[in-house]
Amino acid sequence: MKAILFEKSGLENLKVGEVKDPEPGSHDVVIRVMESGVNPIDYFVVVGIPVRPMPHIPGAEIYGEVERVGDHVKSVKPGDRVVVYNRVFDGNCDMCLHGNEMLCRNGGIVSVVTQGGWAEKMLVPEKNVVKVELNSSLAASLPVAALTPYHALMEAGVRVGKVVVVFGASGNTGMFAVQLAKKMGAKVVAVSRKSWLKDFGADEIADYSNVRGVVERATKGRMADVVINSLGASAWDSSISVLGAKGKLVLFGTLTGAEVKVNLSGIYSAHAEIMGTTGGTRAELHELVELCSDCKVKVYREYPLEEAAEALRALNLEGRDGRIMLKI
């Protein structure tokens, strides 16, 4: 089968190669990959974080059709459309036993500690596939772009009446954070320059230069109950500035840097919380299939498998407005 792979880190080292078709074990599923969302994790896999095995196939966010199943597979059959829960987990550690598979003591991320899905076919355990009946771009966005903010919002306890401020609202995870927070009953302030976020459920859109004023006006001075920051350092000061009493600042990205200064008095005097989250649970991915069935995806560009390197470069384009998708 055809696959995108590399033997040495760097976008310039990505190549199209032929690899052996996967053979399913008794509890495995072979997926004919159809589409993948392109995410920062894919970029970092290619440019330098430690991965295994080598040569390596990237691709963390996968949607496709079941082609073959192992003898003991019961939940899916050939022809079913599925997405891949992209965490390796043993099911036996304390984290897994409490339903936190993304924190498995002996696990990792699919495409980091295993081969990824940027290939014509992908082999995954049955426990990692979830059936879907959604359009391809939405389905391909569920395992990372949607699951990551959904888990963050759930951890923060978002519900009817809360005020949620989303930084990076037009990005991969941001567009889903806006929609999901709205579905949970929150008032949503999207921090972005993109007016299309109104169609995605944003009640207010704030530019980075006036975010505090917009939130202050929208809440009559109460400020935010939950702030979502997927950007990191560049949005840190603004995130803190709009956090209200007993508010929660949730972080799951460091694209613009990981080092910040913290004014501790501002945190404890407001009884505020700073939370880190990563990925999401299998249960939450199953929930998303229903909850997000009418979610929207803004796609900026689509690339064929052979142009994976260009797709990764497009993540950092100055004018990018929406998701980068890889069609396979």
C-alpha atoms as a PDB file:
ATOM      1  CA  MET A   1       0.000   0.000   0.000  1.00  0.00           C
ATOM      2  CA  LYS A   2       0.981   3.645  -0.417  1.00  0.00           C
ATOM      3  CA  ALA A   3       2.020   5.606   2.684  1.00  0.00           C
ATOM      4  CA  ILE A   4       3.668   8.864   3.713  1.00  0.00           C
ATOM      5  CA  LEU A   5       6.740   8.107   5.787  1.00  0.00           C
ATOM      6  CA  PHE A   6      10.099   9.416   6.937  1.00  0.00           C
ATOM      7  CA  GLU A   7      13.311   7.922   8.239  1.00  0.00           C
ATOM      8  CA  LYS A   8      14.767  11.180   9.501  1.00  0.00           C
ATOM      9  CA  SER A   9      13.016  14.179  11.051  1.00  0.00           C
ATOM     10  CA  GLY A  10      12.126  17.129   8.825  1.00  0.00           C
ATOM     11  CA  LEU A  11       9.446  18.058   6.321  1.00  0.00           C
ATOM     12  CA  GLU A  12      11.990  17.706   3.545  1.00  0.00           C
ATOM     13  CA  ASN A  13      12.376  14.029   4.461  1.00  0.00           C
ATOM     14  CA  LEU A  14       8.713  13.071   3.991  1.00  0.00           C
ATOM     15  CA  LYS A  15       8.234  10.766   1.047  1.00  0.00           C
ATOM     16  CA  VAL A  16       5.635   8.564  -0.575  1.00  0.00           C
ATOM     17  CA  GLY A  17       6.558   4.916  -0.217  1.00  0.00           C
ATOM     18  CA  GLU A  18       5.192   1.430  -0.570  1.00  0.00           C
ATOM     19  CA  VAL A  19       4.745  -0.571   2.627  1.00  0.00           C
ATOM     20  CA  LYS A  20       3.233  -3.958   3.323  1.00  0.00           C
ATOM     21  CA  ASP A  21      -0.548  -4.113   3.741  1.00  0.00           C
ATOM     22  CA  PRO A  22      -1.491  -4.609   7.409  1.00  0.00           C
ATOM     23  CA  GLU A  23      -2.761  -7.997   8.584  1.00  0.00           C
ATOM     24  CA  PRO A  24      -5.315  -7.889  11.413  1.00  0.00           C
ATOM     25  CA  GLY A  25      -4.827  -9.877  14.576  1.00  0.00           C
ATOM     26  CA  SER A  26      -7.844 -11.466  16.221  1.00  0.00           C
ATOM     27  CA  HIS A  27      -8.913  -8.197  17.907  1.00  0.00           C
ATOM     28  CA  ASP A  28      -7.781  -5.765  15.192  1.00  0.00           C
ATOM     29  CA  VAL A  29      -9.428  -3.742  12.442  1.00  0.00           C
ATOM     30  CA  VAL A  30      -7.948  -2.731   9.088  1.00  0.00           C
ATOM     31  CA  ILE A  31      -9.279   0.655   7.972  1.00  0.00           C
ATOM     32  CA  ARG A  32      -9.185   2.012   4.437  1.00  0.00           C
ATOM     33  CA  VAL A  33      -8.256   5.572   5.320  1.00  0.00           C
ATOM     34  CA  MET A  34     -10.362   8.265   3.641  1.00  0.00           C
ATOM     35  CA  GLU A  35      -9.568  11.592   5.310  1.00  0.00           C
ATOM     36  CA  SER A  36      -7.399  13.085   8.024  1.00  0.00           C
ATOM     37  CA  GLY A  37      -7.441  16.413   9.781  1.00  0.00           C
ATOM     38  CA  VAL A  38      -3.996  18.026   9.848  1.00  0.00           C
ATOM     39  CA  ASN A  39      -2.979  19.146  13.336  1.00  0.00           C
ATOM     40  CA  PRO A  40       0.047  20.605  15.114  1.00  0.00           C
ATOM     41  CA  ILE A  41       0.804  17.171  16.590  1.00  0.00           C
ATOM     42  CA  ASP A  42       1.380  15.913  13.032  1.00  0.00           C
ATOM     43  CA  TYR A  43       3.811  18.757  12.385  1.00  0.00           C
ATOM     44  CA  PHE A  44       5.766  18.049  15.563  1.00  0.00           C
ATOM     45  CA  VAL A  45       5.843  14.315  14.820  1.00  0.00           C
ATOM     46  CA  VAL A  46       7.530  15.044  11.502  1.00  0.00           C
ATOM     47  CA  VAL A  47       9.901  17.825  12.574  1.00  0.00           C
ATOM     48  CA  GLY A  48      11.406  16.333  15.664  1.00  0.00           C
ATOM     49  CA  ILE A  49       9.620  14.903  18.705  1.00  0.00           C
ATOM     50  CA  PRO A  50      10.733  11.325  19.496  1.00  0.00           C
ATOM     51  CA  VAL A  51       8.563   8.779  17.677  1.00  0.00           C
ATOM     52  CA  ARG A  52       8.542   5.056  17.080  1.00  0.00           C
ATOM     53  CA  PRO A  53       8.838   2.883  15.079  1.00  0.00           C
ATOM     54  CA  MET A  54      11.101   4.033  12.251  1.00  0.00           C
ATOM     55  CA  PRO A  55      10.597   4.459   9.327  1.00  0.00           C
ATOM     56  CA  HIS A  56       7.550   6.307  10.599  1.00  0.00           C
ATOM     57  CA  ILE A  57       4.080   7.111   9.266  1.00  0.00           C
ATOM     58  CA  PRO A  58       2.483  10.259  10.765  1.00  0.00           C
ATOM     59  CA  GLY A  59      -1.238  11.067  10.999  1.00  0.00           C
ATOM     60  CA  ALA A  60      -3.165  11.322  14.281  1.00  0.00           C
ATOM     61  CA  GLU A  61      -6.749  12.193  13.256  1.00  0.00           C
ATOM     62  CA  ILE A  62      -8.239   9.467  11.091  1.00  0.00           C
ATOM     63  CA  TYR A  63     -11.555   8.651   9.417  1.00  0.00           C
ATOM     64  CA  GLY A  64     -12.145   5.743   7.090  1.00  0.00           C
ATOM     65  CA  GLU A  65     -14.001   2.580   6.171  1.00  0.00           C
ATOM     66  CA  VAL A  66     -13.507  -0.811   7.745  1.00  0.00           C
ATOM     67  CA  GLU A  67     -11.958  -3.173   5.203  1.00  0.00           C
ATOM     68  CA  ARG A  68     -11.112  -6.262   7.266  1.00  0.00           C
ATOM     69  CA  VAL A  69     -11.616  -7.404  10.854  1.00  0.00           C
ATOM     70  CA  GLY A  70     -10.029 -10.005  13.103  1.00  0.00           C
ATOM     71  CA  ASP A  71     -11.815 -13.197  14.104  1.00  0.00           C
ATOM     72  CA  HIS A  72     -12.932 -11.859  17.493  1.00  0.00           C
ATOM     73  CA  VAL A  73     -14.064  -8.391  16.393  1.00  0.00           C
ATOM     74  CA  LYS A  74     -17.779  -7.882  17.079  1.00  0.00           C
ATOM     75  CA  SER A  75     -18.499  -4.138  17.180  1.00  0.00           C
ATOM     76  CA  VAL A  76     -17.759  -3.281  13.541  1.00  0.00           C
ATOM     77  CA  LYS A  77     -17.837  -5.033  10.184  1.00  0.00           C
ATOM     78  CA  PRO A  78     -16.446  -4.378   6.693  1.00  0.00           C
ATOM     79  CA  GLY A  79     -18.110  -1.337   5.147  1.00  0.00           C
ATOM     80  CA  ASP A  80     -18.681   0.507   8.438  1.00  0.00           C
ATOM     81  CA  ARG A  81     -17.398   4.087   8.581  1.00  0.00           C
ATOM     82  CA  VAL A  82     -15.283   4.770  11.668  1.00  0.00           C
ATOM     83  CA  VAL A  83     -13.006   7.248  13.369  1.00  0.00           C
ATOM     84  CA  VAL A  84      -9.958   6.281  15.392  1.00  0.00           C
ATOM     85  CA  TYR A  85      -9.626   7.096  19.083  1.00  0.00           C
ATOM     86  CA  ASN A  86      -6.021   8.176  18.908  1.00  0.00           C
ATOM     87  CA  ARG A  87      -4.700   7.047  22.278  1.00  0.00           C
ATOM     88  CA  VAL A  88      -2.787   3.888  23.061  1.00  0.00           C
ATOM     89  CA  PHE A  89      -3.991   2.529  26.396  1.00  0.00           C
ATOM     90  CA  ASP A  90      -3.708  -0.760  28.277  1.00  0.00           C
ATOM     91  CA  GLY A  91      -7.071  -0.655  30.048  1.00  0.00           C
ATOM     92  CA  ASN A  92      -5.507  -1.909  33.276  1.00  0.00           C
ATOM     93  CA  CYS A  93      -3.752   1.008  34.983  1.00  0.00           C
ATOM     94  CA  ASP A  94      -5.465   3.254  37.545  1.00  0.00           C
ATOM     95  CA  MET A  95      -6.071   5.978  34.953  1.00  0.00           C
ATOM     96  CA  CYS A  96      -7.730   3.598  32.499  1.00  0.00           C
ATOM     97  CA  LEU A  97      -9.819   1.962  35.197  1.00  0.00           C
ATOM     98  CA  HIS A  98     -11.251   5.397  36.001  1.00  0.00           C
ATOM     99  CA  GLY A  99     -12.054   6.076  32.336  1.00  0.00           C
ATOM    100  CA  ASN A 100      -9.073   8.349  31.667  1.00  0.00           C
ATOM    101  CA  GLU A 101      -7.518   6.422  28.806  1.00  0.00           C
ATOM    102  CA  MET A 102      -5.698   9.511  27.495  1.00  0.00           C
ATOM    103  CA  LEU A 103      -3.631   9.464  30.719  1.00  0.00           C
ATOM    104  CA  CYS A 104      -2.751   5.757  30.594  1.00  0.00           C
ATOM    105  CA  ARG A 105       0.443   5.073  32.540  1.00  0.00           C
ATOM    106  CA  ASN A 106       1.648   2.786  29.761  1.00  0.00           C
ATOM    107  CA  GLY A 107       0.132   4.551  26.770  1.00  0.00           C
ATOM    108  CA  GLY A 108       0.738   7.362  24.352  1.00  0.00           C
ATOM    109  CA  ILE A 109      -0.599   9.007  21.211  1.00  0.00           C
ATOM    110  CA  VAL A 110      -1.329   7.084  18.033  1.00  0.00           C
ATOM    111  CA  SER A 111       1.164   8.337  15.413  1.00  0.00           C
ATOM    112  CA  VAL A 112       3.742   9.078  18.140  1.00  0.00           C
ATOM    113  CA  VAL A 113       4.236   5.699  19.820  1.00  0.00           C
ATOM    114  CA  THR A 114       2.691   3.776  16.892  1.00  0.00           C
ATOM    115  CA  GLN A 115       2.408   4.205  13.155  1.00  0.00           C
ATOM    116  CA  GLY A 116      -0.118   6.848  12.161  1.00  0.00           C
ATOM    117  CA  GLY A 117      -2.805   6.910   9.522  1.00  0.00           C
ATOM    118  CA  TRP A 118      -1.330   8.800   6.570  1.00  0.00           C
ATOM    119  CA  ALA A 119      -1.496   5.706   4.448  1.00  0.00           C
ATOM    120  CA  GLU A 120      -4.041   3.933   2.303  1.00  0.00           C
ATOM    121  CA  LYS A 121      -4.729   1.520   5.153  1.00  0.00           C
ATOM    122  CA  MET A 122      -4.300   1.562   8.908  1.00  0.00           C
ATOM    123  CA  LEU A 123      -4.295  -1.201  11.522  1.00  0.00           C
ATOM    124  CA  VAL A 124      -5.896  -0.399  14.888  1.00  0.00           C
ATOM    125  CA  PRO A 125      -7.302  -2.379  17.830  1.00  0.00           C
ATOM    126  CA  GLU A 126     -11.085  -2.808  17.822  1.00  0.00           C
ATOM    127  CA  LYS A 127     -11.300  -0.846  21.089  1.00  0.00           C
ATOM    128  CA  ASN A 128      -9.969   2.234  19.250  1.00  0.00           C
ATOM    129  CA  VAL A 129     -12.644   2.492  16.559  1.00  0.00           C
ATOM    130  CA  VAL A 130     -15.943   4.349  16.848  1.00  0.00           C
ATOM    131  CA  LYS A 131     -18.682   4.052  14.216  1.00  0.00           C
ATOM    132  CA  VAL A 132     -19.932   7.269  12.629  1.00  0.00           C
ATOM    133  CA  GLU A 133     -22.402   8.397   9.991  1.00  0.00           C
ATOM    134  CA  LEU A 134     -21.221  11.932   9.349  1.00  0.00           C
ATOM    135  CA  ASN A 135     -19.782  13.914   6.471  1.00  0.00           C
ATOM    136  CA  SER A 136     -16.108  13.172   5.997  1.00  0.00           C
ATOM    137  CA  SER A 137     -14.581  16.482   7.128  1.00  0.00           C
ATOM    138  CA  LEU A 138     -16.621  16.504  10.322  1.00  0.00           C
ATOM    139  CA  ALA A 139     -15.925  12.845  11.038  1.00  0.00           C
ATOM    140  CA  ALA A 140     -12.203  13.357  10.459  1.00  0.00           C
ATOM    141  CA  SER A 141     -12.253  16.287  12.913  1.00  0.00           C
ATOM    142  CA  LEU A 142     -13.793  14.453  15.851  1.00  0.00           C
ATOM    143  CA  PRO A 143     -10.782  12.603  17.338  1.00  0.00           C
ATOM    144  CA  VAL A 144      -8.573  15.670  17.920  1.00  0.00           C
ATOM    145  CA  ALA A 145     -10.085  19.008  16.864  1.00  0.00           C
ATOM    146  CA  ALA A 146     -13.440  18.341  18.551  1.00  0.00           C
ATOM    147  CA  LEU A 147     -12.558  15.894  21.334  1.00  0.00           C
ATOM    148  CA  THR A 148      -9.814  18.075  22.818  1.00  0.00           C
ATOM    149  CA  PRO A 149     -12.045  21.118  23.551  1.00  0.00           C
ATOM    150  CA  TYR A 150     -15.013  18.915  24.474  1.00  0.00           C
ATOM    151  CA  HIS A 151     -12.981  17.255  27.210  1.00  0.00           C
ATOM    152  CA  ALA A 152     -11.718  20.654  28.374  1.00  0.00           C
ATOM    153  CA  LEU A 153     -15.239  22.085  28.586  1.00  0.00           C
ATOM    154  CA  MET A 154     -16.476  19.007  30.440  1.00  0.00           C
ATOM    155  CA  GLU A 155     -13.606  19.202  32.925  1.00  0.00           C
ATOM    156  CA  ALA A 156     -14.398  22.882  33.491  1.00  0.00           C
ATOM    157  CA  GLY A 157     -18.041  22.084  34.247  1.00  0.00           C
ATOM    158  CA  VAL A 158     -19.562  24.278  31.535  1.00  0.00           C
ATOM    159  CA  ARG A 159     -23.350  24.389  31.700  1.00  0.00           C
ATOM    160  CA  VAL A 160     -26.318  26.667  31.091  1.00  0.00           C
ATOM    161  CA  GLY A 161     -25.680  30.230  32.174  1.00  0.00           C
ATOM    162  CA  LYS A 162     -21.889  30.101  32.205  1.00  0.00           C
ATOM    163  CA  VAL A 163     -19.758  32.532  30.216  1.00  0.00           C
ATOM    164  CA  VAL A 164     -17.012  30.939  28.124  1.00  0.00           C
ATOM    165  CA  VAL A 165     -14.248  32.895  26.393  1.00  0.00           C
ATOM    166  CA  VAL A 166     -12.399  31.031  23.635  1.00  0.00           C
ATOM    167  CA  PHE A 167      -8.985  32.261  22.518  1.00  0.00           C
ATOM    168  CA  GLY A 168      -7.883  31.040  19.099  1.00  0.00           C
ATOM    169  CA  ALA A 169     -11.553  30.606  18.257  1.00  0.00           C
ATOM    170  CA  SER A 170     -11.068  30.214  14.498  1.00  0.00           C
ATOM    171  CA  GLY A 171      -8.437  27.489  14.844  1.00  0.00           C
ATOM    172  CA  ASN A 172      -8.784  23.698  14.680  1.00  0.00           C
ATOM    173  CA  THR A 173      -9.963  23.270  18.260  1.00  0.00           C
ATOM    174  CA  GLY A 174     -11.343  26.786  18.681  1.00  0.00           C
ATOM    175  CA  MET A 175     -14.155  26.433  16.153  1.00  0.00           C
ATOM    176  CA  PHE A 176     -15.357  23.343  18.014  1.00  0.00           C
ATOM    177  CA  ALA A 177     -14.914  24.919  21.450  1.00  0.00           C
ATOM    178  CA  VAL A 178     -17.268  27.716  20.357  1.00  0.00           C
ATOM    179  CA  GLN A 179     -19.919  25.318  19.039  1.00  0.00           C
ATOM    180  CA  LEU A 180     -19.754  22.862  21.920  1.00  0.00           C
ATOM    181  CA  ALA A 181     -19.824  25.543  24.620  1.00  0.00           C
ATOM    182  CA  LYS A 182     -22.937  26.969  22.945  1.00  0.00           C
ATOM    183  CA  LYS A 183     -24.540  23.515  22.876  1.00  0.00           C
ATOM    184  CA  MET A 184     -23.885  23.246  26.606  1.00  0.00           C
ATOM    185  CA  GLY A 185     -25.893  26.421  27.177  1.00  0.00           C
ATOM    186  CA  ALA A 186     -23.070  28.914  27.706  1.00  0.00           C
ATOM    187  CA  LYS A 187     -22.741  32.477  26.482  1.00  0.00           C
ATOM    188  CA  VAL A 188     -19.703  32.369  24.204  1.00  0.00           C
ATOM    189  CA  VAL A 189     -17.181  35.095  23.462  1.00  0.00           C
ATOM    190  CA  ALA A 190     -14.931  34.132  20.547  1.00  0.00           C
ATOM    191  CA  VAL A 191     -11.571  35.881  20.485  1.00  0.00           C
ATOM    192  CA  SER A 192     -10.730  36.185  16.807  1.00  0.00           C
ATOM    193  CA  ARG A 193     -10.960  38.483  13.811  1.00  0.00           C
ATOM    194  CA  LYS A 194     -13.236  36.079  11.920  1.00  0.00           C
ATOM    195  CA  SER A 195     -16.865  37.151  11.594  1.00  0.00           C
ATOM    196  CA  TRP A 196     -17.957  33.652  10.459  1.00  0.00           C
ATOM    197  CA  LEU A 197     -17.754  32.521  14.085  1.00  0.00           C
ATOM    198  CA  LYS A 198     -21.188  34.094  14.599  1.00  0.00           C
ATOM    199  CA  ASP A 199     -22.542  31.308  12.398  1.00  0.00           C
ATOM    200  CA  PHE A 200     -20.739  28.802  14.621  1.00  0.00           C
ATOM    201  CA  GLY A 201     -22.552  29.982  17.746  1.00  0.00           C
ATOM    202  CA  ALA A 202     -20.478  32.864  19.096  1.00  0.00           C
ATOM    203  CA  ASP A 203     -22.567  35.438  20.962  1.00  0.00           C
ATOM    204  CA  GLU A 204     -19.763  38.003  20.810  1.00  0.00           C
ATOM    205  CA  ILE A 205     -16.586  38.286  18.774  1.00  0.00           C
ATOM    206  CA  ALA A 206     -13.677  40.142  20.335  1.00  0.00           C
ATOM    207  CA  ASP A 207     -10.440  41.250  18.738  1.00  0.00           C
ATOM    208  CA  TYR A 208      -7.316  40.536  20.785  1.00  0.00           C
ATOM    209  CA  SER A 209      -6.901  44.265  21.331  1.00  0.00           C
ATOM    210  CA  ASN A 210     -10.288  44.754  23.010  1.00  0.00           C
ATOM    211  CA  VAL A 211     -11.129  41.363  24.513  1.00  0.00           C
ATOM    212  CA  ARG A 212     -11.380  42.586  28.110  1.00  0.00           C
ATOM    213  CA  GLY A 213     -13.776  45.375  27.184  1.00  0.00           C
ATOM    214  CA  VAL A 214     -16.020  43.037  25.197  1.00  0.00           C
ATOM    215  CA  VAL A 215     -16.144  40.448  27.997  1.00  0.00           C
ATOM    216  CA  GLU A 216     -16.735  43.128  30.624  1.00  0.00           C
ATOM    217  CA  ARG A 217     -19.641  44.551  28.628  1.00  0.00           C
ATOM    218  CA  ALA A 218     -21.118  41.145  27.781  1.00  0.00           C
ATOM    219  CA  THR A 219     -21.061  40.023  31.425  1.00  0.00           C
ATOM    220  CA  LYS A 220     -21.842  43.407  33.029  1.00  0.00           C
ATOM    221  CA  GLY A 221     -18.537  43.214  34.843  1.00  0.00           C
ATOM    222  CA  ARG A 222     -18.815  39.635  36.092  1.00  0.00           C
ATOM    223  CA  MET A 223     -16.224  38.382  33.588  1.00  0.00           C
ATOM    224  CA  ALA A 224     -15.692  34.814  32.384  1.00  0.00           C
ATOM    225  CA  ASP A 225     -16.521  31.612  34.189  1.00  0.00           C
ATOM    226  CA  VAL A 226     -14.329  29.577  31.840  1.00  0.00           C
ATOM    227  CA  VAL A 227     -11.489  30.674  29.573  1.00  0.00           C
ATOM    228  CA  ILE A 228     -10.173  28.294  26.909  1.00  0.00           C
ATOM    229  CA  ASN A 229      -6.572  28.966  25.859  1.00  0.00           C
ATOM    230  CA  SER A 230      -5.233  26.645  23.170  1.00  0.00           C
ATOM    231  CA  LEU A 231      -2.506  29.074  22.094  1.00  0.00           C
ATOM    232  CA  GLY A 232      -0.202  29.292  25.092  1.00  0.00           C
ATOM    233  CA  ALA A 233       1.976  32.232  26.020  1.00  0.00           C
ATOM    234  CA  SER A 234       0.658  34.808  23.543  1.00  0.00           C
ATOM    235  CA  ALA A 235      -2.836  34.669  25.061  1.00  0.00           C
ATOM    236  CA  TRP A 236      -1.767  34.188  28.681  1.00  0.00           C
ATOM    237  CA  ASP A 237      -2.090  37.755  29.995  1.00  0.00           C
ATOM    238  CA  SER A 238      -5.365  38.329  28.162  1.00  0.00           C
ATOM    239  CA  SER A 239      -6.723  35.014  29.434  1.00  0.00           C
ATOM    240  CA  ILE A 240      -5.994  35.969  33.032  1.00  0.00           C
ATOM    241  CA  SER A 241      -7.414  39.464  32.517  1.00  0.00           C
ATOM    242  CA  VAL A 242     -10.908  38.198  31.597  1.00  0.00           C
ATOM    243  CA  LEU A 243     -11.149  35.490  34.254  1.00  0.00           C
ATOM    244  CA  GLY A 244     -13.867  36.156  36.806  1.00  0.00           C
ATOM    245  CA  ALA A 245     -14.250  35.163  40.449  1.00  0.00           C
ATOM    246  CA  LYS A 246     -14.035  31.365  40.845  1.00  0.00           C
ATOM    247  CA  GLY A 247     -13.281  31.188  37.130  1.00  0.00           C
ATOM    248  CA  LYS A 248     -11.370  28.400  35.433  1.00  0.00           C
ATOM    249  CA  LEU A 249      -8.616  28.880  32.893  1.00  0.00           C
ATOM    250  CA  VAL A 250      -8.188  25.722  30.815  1.00  0.00           C
ATOM    251  CA  LEU A 251      -5.034  25.141  28.787  1.00  0.00           C
ATOM    252  CA  PHE A 252      -4.316  22.508  26.149  1.00  0.00           C
ATOM    253  CA  GLY A 253      -1.794  24.035  23.781  1.00  0.00           C
ATOM    254  CA  THR A 254       1.523  25.872  23.651  1.00  0.00           C
ATOM    255  CA  LEU A 255       1.756  26.835  19.987  1.00  0.00           C
ATOM    256  CA  THR A 256       2.963  30.329  20.864  1.00  0.00           C
ATOM    257  CA  GLY A 257       5.168  29.334  23.781  1.00  0.00           C
ATOM    258  CA  ALA A 258       5.033  27.469  27.077  1.00  0.00           C
ATOM    259  CA  GLU A 259       6.773  29.865  29.449  1.00  0.00           C
ATOM    260  CA  VAL A 260       4.720  32.565  31.226  1.00  0.00           C
ATOM    261  CA  LYS A 261       4.798  34.741  34.336  1.00  0.00           C
ATOM    262  CA  VAL A 262       2.067  34.234  36.912  1.00  0.00           C
ATOM    263  CA  ASN A 263       0.765  36.816  39.370  1.00  0.00           C
ATOM    264  CA  LEU A 264      -0.244  34.469  42.164  1.00  0.00           C
ATOM    265  CA  SER A 265      -2.186  37.094  44.097  1.00  0.00           C
ATOM    266  CA  GLY A 266      -4.546  37.557  41.168  1.00  0.00           C
ATOM    267  CA  ILE A 267      -5.238  33.818  41.124  1.00  0.00           C
ATOM    268  CA  TYR A 268      -5.837  33.195  44.809  1.00  0.00           C
ATOM    269  CA  SER A 269      -7.712  36.428  45.461  1.00  0.00           C
ATOM    270  CA  ALA A 270     -10.261  35.436  42.803  1.00  0.00           C
ATOM    271  CA  HIS A 271     -10.418  31.775  43.914  1.00  0.00           C
ATOM    272  CA  ALA A 272      -9.526  31.043  40.306  1.00  0.00           C
ATOM    273  CA  GLU A 273      -8.300  27.721  38.929  1.00  0.00           C
ATOM    274  CA  ILE A 274      -5.753  26.936  36.240  1.00  0.00           C
ATOM    275  CA  MET A 275      -6.367  23.566  34.625  1.00  0.00           C
ATOM    276  CA  GLY A 276      -4.424  21.604  32.062  1.00  0.00           C
ATOM    277  CA  THR A 277      -6.179  19.053  29.849  1.00  0.00           C
ATOM    278  CA  THR A 278      -5.155  16.804  27.001  1.00  0.00           C
ATOM    279  CA  GLY A 279      -7.186  14.798  24.524  1.00  0.00           C
ATOM    280  CA  GLY A 280     -10.311  13.175  25.876  1.00  0.00           C
ATOM    281  CA  THR A 281     -11.827   9.866  26.881  1.00  0.00           C
ATOM    282  CA  ARG A 282     -13.277   7.119  24.716  1.00  0.00           C
ATOM    283  CA  ALA A 283     -16.670   7.764  26.290  1.00  0.00           C
ATOM    284  CA  GLU A 284     -16.484  11.421  25.291  1.00  0.00           C
ATOM    285  CA  LEU A 285     -15.639  10.513  21.694  1.00  0.00           C
ATOM    286  CA  HIS A 286     -18.742   8.304  21.583  1.00  0.00           C
ATOM    287  CA  GLU A 287     -20.775  11.207  23.012  1.00  0.00           C
ATOM    288  CA  LEU A 288     -19.427  13.570  20.359  1.00  0.00           C
ATOM    289  CA  VAL A 289     -20.706  11.388  17.536  1.00  0.00           C
ATOM    290  CA  GLU A 290     -24.241  12.350  18.617  1.00  0.00           C
ATOM    291  CA  LEU A 291     -23.681  15.746  20.236  1.00  0.00           C
ATOM    292  CA  CYS A 292     -21.666  17.114  17.321  1.00  0.00           C
ATOM    293  CA  SER A 293     -23.654  15.528  14.492  1.00  0.00           C
ATOM    294  CA  ASP A 294     -24.660  18.993  13.255  1.00  0.00           C
ATOM    295  CA  CYS A 295     -21.362  20.734  14.003  1.00  0.00           C
ATOM    296  CA  LYS A 296     -19.778  22.815  11.265  1.00  0.00           C
ATOM    297  CA  VAL A 297     -16.239  22.588   9.943  1.00  0.00           C
ATOM    298  CA  LYS A 298     -14.617  25.440   8.065  1.00  0.00           C
ATOM    299  CA  VAL A 299     -12.129  23.888   5.642  1.00  0.00           C
ATOM    300  CA  TYR A 300      -9.427  26.133   4.243  1.00  0.00           C
ATOM    301  CA  ARG A 301      -7.651  23.706   1.920  1.00  0.00           C
ATOM    302  CA  GLU A 302      -7.623  20.025   1.045  1.00  0.00           C
ATOM    303  CA  TYR A 303      -4.509  18.174  -0.098  1.00  0.00           C
ATOM    304  CA  PRO A 304      -3.975  14.697  -1.542  1.00  0.00           C
ATOM    305  CA  LEU A 305      -1.862  12.208   0.401  1.00  0.00           C
ATOM    306  CA  GLU A 306       1.123  12.816  -1.868  1.00  0.00           C
ATOM    307  CA  GLU A 307       1.211  16.490  -0.788  1.00  0.00           C
ATOM    308  CA  ALA A 308       1.372  15.828   2.960  1.00  0.00           C
ATOM    309  CA  ALA A 309       4.417  18.042   3.398  1.00  0.00           C
ATOM    310  CA  GLU A 310       2.580  20.968   1.781  1.00  0.00           C
ATOM    311  CA  ALA A 311      -0.422  20.289   4.028  1.00  0.00           C
ATOM    312  CA  LEU A 312       1.817  20.549   7.083  1.00  0.00           C
ATOM    313  CA  ARG A 313       3.391  23.765   5.826  1.00  0.00           C
ATOM    314  CA  ALA A 314      -0.097  25.184   5.273  1.00  0.00           C
ATOM    315  CA  LEU A 315      -0.749  24.991   9.027  1.00  0.00           C
ATOM    316  CA  ASN A 316       1.486  28.026   9.433  1.00  0.00           C
ATOM    317  CA  LEU A 317       0.252  30.076   6.485  1.00  0.00           C
ATOM    318  CA  GLU A 318      -0.330  33.716   7.431  1.00  0.00           C
ATOM    319  CA  GLY A 319      -3.802  33.831   5.888  1.00  0.00           C
ATOM    320  CA  ARG A 320      -5.039  30.382   6.874  1.00  0.00           C
ATOM    321  CA  ASP A 321      -8.752  30.540   7.636  1.00  0.00           C
ATOM    322  CA  GLY A 322     -10.055  27.117   8.620  1.00  0.00           C
ATOM    323  CA  ARG A 323      -8.836  23.538   8.728  1.00  0.00           C
ATOM    324  CA  ILE A 324      -6.272  21.798   6.563  1.00  0.00           C
ATOM    325  CA  MET A 325      -7.493  18.349   5.478  1.00  0.00           C
ATOM    326  CA  LEU A 326      -5.682  15.454   3.861  1.00  0.00           C
ATOM    327  CA  LYS A 327      -7.713  13.372   1.415  1.00  0.00           C
ATOM    328  CA  ILE A 328      -6.482   9.807   1.070  1.00  0.00           C
END
